[in-house]
Amino acid sequence: MAWFVLILSGMLETAWALSLKASDGFSKPVPTVTFLVTLALSMGGLAYALRTLPVGTAYAVWVGVGAVLTAIVGMIFLDEGVSVLKVVSLVLVVAGIVGLNLAGNGH
């Protein structure tokens, strides 16, 4: 259950990042409230997952999921541009997350 919550929390990181951008410096109420709610849910999910998962791995997965998904959404829907270097870099982030999970706790 912790892994499911962690992945979902990482996805919520994308929601709060996009809401933060849409809030235009907190000048727009609806995106600002959306940012605050999704931020709280994302952090709460991370906190829940950290009760049973190693902090280094869990945090890396949370950040990685959010960063990769946010970059993909930006490239597809926000006209942020796609390049081979960006795609390769995102693949490397995913590979790093997979590697951390395969490494386990190191015991």
C-alpha atoms as a PDB file:
ATOM      1  CA  MET A   1       0.000   0.000   0.000  1.00  0.00           C
ATOM      2  CA  ALA A   2       2.873   2.395   0.773  1.00  0.00           C
ATOM      3  CA  TRP A   3       4.227   2.121  -2.778  1.00  0.00           C
ATOM      4  CA  PHE A   4       0.811   2.836  -4.289  1.00  0.00           C
ATOM      5  CA  VAL A   5       0.386   5.904  -2.071  1.00  0.00           C
ATOM      6  CA  LEU A   6       3.924   7.040  -2.888  1.00  0.00           C
ATOM      7  CA  ILE A   7       3.370   6.835  -6.659  1.00  0.00           C
ATOM      8  CA  LEU A   8       0.024   8.611  -6.334  1.00  0.00           C
ATOM      9  CA  SER A   9       1.693  11.299  -4.219  1.00  0.00           C
ATOM     10  CA  GLY A  10       4.341  11.757  -6.896  1.00  0.00           C
ATOM     11  CA  MET A  11       1.593  12.210  -9.458  1.00  0.00           C
ATOM     12  CA  LEU A  12      -0.007  14.801  -7.190  1.00  0.00           C
ATOM     13  CA  GLU A  13       3.327  16.615  -7.254  1.00  0.00           C
ATOM     14  CA  THR A  14       2.653  17.209 -10.941  1.00  0.00           C
ATOM     15  CA  ALA A  15      -0.801  18.550 -10.106  1.00  0.00           C
ATOM     16  CA  TRP A  16       0.542  21.021  -7.566  1.00  0.00           C
ATOM     17  CA  ALA A  17       3.384  22.126  -9.838  1.00  0.00           C
ATOM     18  CA  LEU A  18       0.978  22.824 -12.691  1.00  0.00           C
ATOM     19  CA  SER A  19      -1.440  24.565 -10.316  1.00  0.00           C
ATOM     20  CA  LEU A  20       1.397  26.692  -8.976  1.00  0.00           C
ATOM     21  CA  LYS A  21       2.215  27.816 -12.508  1.00  0.00           C
ATOM     22  CA  ALA A  22      -1.456  28.493 -13.239  1.00  0.00           C
ATOM     23  CA  SER A  23      -1.834  30.500 -10.015  1.00  0.00           C
ATOM     24  CA  ASP A  24       0.296  33.272 -11.535  1.00  0.00           C
ATOM     25  CA  GLY A  25       2.131  34.053  -8.314  1.00  0.00           C
ATOM     26  CA  PHE A  26      -0.894  33.184  -6.155  1.00  0.00           C
ATOM     27  CA  SER A  27      -2.935  35.923  -7.852  1.00  0.00           C
ATOM     28  CA  LYS A  28      -5.620  33.523  -9.127  1.00  0.00           C
ATOM     29  CA  PRO A  29      -7.759  31.972  -6.366  1.00  0.00           C
ATOM     30  CA  VAL A  30      -8.846  28.663  -7.941  1.00  0.00           C
ATOM     31  CA  PRO A  31      -5.376  27.512  -9.034  1.00  0.00           C
ATOM     32  CA  THR A  32      -3.979  28.737  -5.706  1.00  0.00           C
ATOM     33  CA  VAL A  33      -6.462  26.639  -3.712  1.00  0.00           C
ATOM     34  CA  THR A  34      -5.847  23.686  -6.047  1.00  0.00           C
ATOM     35  CA  PHE A  35      -2.117  24.093  -5.419  1.00  0.00           C
ATOM     36  CA  LEU A  36      -2.562  24.113  -1.640  1.00  0.00           C
ATOM     37  CA  VAL A  37      -4.858  21.069  -1.622  1.00  0.00           C
ATOM     38  CA  THR A  38      -2.724  18.974  -3.967  1.00  0.00           C
ATOM     39  CA  LEU A  39       0.446  20.016  -2.138  1.00  0.00           C
ATOM     40  CA  ALA A  40      -1.026  18.904   1.190  1.00  0.00           C
ATOM     41  CA  LEU A  41      -2.233  15.601  -0.281  1.00  0.00           C
ATOM     42  CA  SER A  42       1.113  14.969  -1.964  1.00  0.00           C
ATOM     43  CA  MET A  43       3.102  15.689   1.195  1.00  0.00           C
ATOM     44  CA  GLY A  44       0.661  13.687   3.292  1.00  0.00           C
ATOM     45  CA  GLY A  45       1.050  10.706   0.988  1.00  0.00           C
ATOM     46  CA  LEU A  46       4.827  10.981   1.140  1.00  0.00           C
ATOM     47  CA  ALA A  47       4.661  11.135   4.934  1.00  0.00           C
ATOM     48  CA  TYR A  48       2.457   8.036   4.983  1.00  0.00           C
ATOM     49  CA  ALA A  49       4.826   6.128   2.685  1.00  0.00           C
ATOM     50  CA  LEU A  50       7.841   7.106   4.794  1.00  0.00           C
ATOM     51  CA  ARG A  51       6.364   5.217   7.728  1.00  0.00           C
ATOM     52  CA  THR A  52       7.452   1.958   6.067  1.00  0.00           C
ATOM     53  CA  LEU A  53       9.758   2.801   3.147  1.00  0.00           C
ATOM     54  CA  PRO A  54      13.412   3.919   3.298  1.00  0.00           C
ATOM     55  CA  VAL A  55      13.608   7.706   3.105  1.00  0.00           C
ATOM     56  CA  GLY A  56      16.248   7.890   0.356  1.00  0.00           C
ATOM     57  CA  THR A  57      14.423   5.578  -2.002  1.00  0.00           C
ATOM     58  CA  ALA A  58      10.951   6.912  -1.223  1.00  0.00           C
ATOM     59  CA  TYR A  59      11.969  10.536  -1.656  1.00  0.00           C
ATOM     60  CA  ALA A  60      13.785   9.790  -4.916  1.00  0.00           C
ATOM     61  CA  VAL A  61      10.750   7.949  -6.279  1.00  0.00           C
ATOM     62  CA  TRP A  62       8.390  10.736  -5.190  1.00  0.00           C
ATOM     63  CA  VAL A  63      10.522  13.473  -6.746  1.00  0.00           C
ATOM     64  CA  GLY A  64      11.271  11.379  -9.826  1.00  0.00           C
ATOM     65  CA  VAL A  65       7.643  10.547 -10.560  1.00  0.00           C
ATOM     66  CA  GLY A  66       6.660  14.180 -10.119  1.00  0.00           C
ATOM     67  CA  ALA A  67       9.543  15.551 -12.155  1.00  0.00           C
ATOM     68  CA  VAL A  68       9.181  13.129 -15.050  1.00  0.00           C
ATOM     69  CA  LEU A  69       5.410  13.455 -15.253  1.00  0.00           C
ATOM     70  CA  THR A  70       5.579  17.252 -14.975  1.00  0.00           C
ATOM     71  CA  ALA A  71       8.180  17.419 -17.743  1.00  0.00           C
ATOM     72  CA  ILE A  72       6.078  15.164 -19.981  1.00  0.00           C
ATOM     73  CA  VAL A  73       2.928  17.224 -19.384  1.00  0.00           C
ATOM     74  CA  GLY A  74       4.910  20.386 -20.081  1.00  0.00           C
ATOM     75  CA  MET A  75       6.241  19.030 -23.346  1.00  0.00           C
ATOM     76  CA  ILE A  76       2.887  17.674 -24.538  1.00  0.00           C
ATOM     77  CA  PHE A  77       0.413  20.285 -23.329  1.00  0.00           C
ATOM     78  CA  LEU A  78       2.374  23.446 -22.494  1.00  0.00           C
ATOM     79  CA  ASP A  79       4.526  23.698 -25.616  1.00  0.00           C
ATOM     80  CA  GLU A  80       7.767  23.443 -23.637  1.00  0.00           C
ATOM     81  CA  GLY A  81       9.520  21.757 -26.521  1.00  0.00           C
ATOM     82  CA  VAL A  82      10.800  18.233 -26.977  1.00  0.00           C
ATOM     83  CA  SER A  83      14.379  17.293 -27.724  1.00  0.00           C
ATOM     84  CA  VAL A  84      16.365  14.102 -27.806  1.00  0.00           C
ATOM     85  CA  LEU A  85      18.386  15.324 -24.831  1.00  0.00           C
ATOM     86  CA  LYS A  86      15.228  15.958 -22.774  1.00  0.00           C
ATOM     87  CA  VAL A  87      13.819  12.518 -23.564  1.00  0.00           C
ATOM     88  CA  VAL A  88      17.125  10.779 -22.815  1.00  0.00           C
ATOM     89  CA  SER A  89      17.414  12.720 -19.562  1.00  0.00           C
ATOM     90  CA  LEU A  90      13.922  11.659 -18.491  1.00  0.00           C
ATOM     91  CA  VAL A  91      14.759   8.047 -19.332  1.00  0.00           C
ATOM     92  CA  LEU A  92      17.863   8.351 -17.142  1.00  0.00           C
ATOM     93  CA  VAL A  93      15.758   9.652 -14.240  1.00  0.00           C
ATOM     94  CA  VAL A  94      13.414   6.678 -14.595  1.00  0.00           C
ATOM     95  CA  ALA A  95      16.407   4.326 -14.804  1.00  0.00           C
ATOM     96  CA  GLY A  96      17.780   5.832 -11.596  1.00  0.00           C
ATOM     97  CA  ILE A  97      14.481   5.285  -9.803  1.00  0.00           C
ATOM     98  CA  VAL A  98      14.336   1.682 -10.996  1.00  0.00           C
ATOM     99  CA  GLY A  99      17.951   1.174  -9.925  1.00  0.00           C
ATOM    100  CA  LEU A 100      17.249   2.490  -6.427  1.00  0.00           C
ATOM    101  CA  ASN A 101      14.315   0.123  -6.100  1.00  0.00           C
ATOM    102  CA  LEU A 102      16.339  -2.839  -7.335  1.00  0.00           C
ATOM    103  CA  ALA A 103      19.126  -2.011  -4.891  1.00  0.00           C
ATOM    104  CA  GLY A 104      16.737  -2.390  -1.968  1.00  0.00           C
ATOM    105  CA  ASN A 105      17.784  -1.362   1.519  1.00  0.00           C
ATOM    106  CA  GLY A 106      21.395  -2.381   1.056  1.00  0.00           C
ATOM    107  CA  HIS A 107      21.314  -4.910   3.889  1.00  0.00           C
END
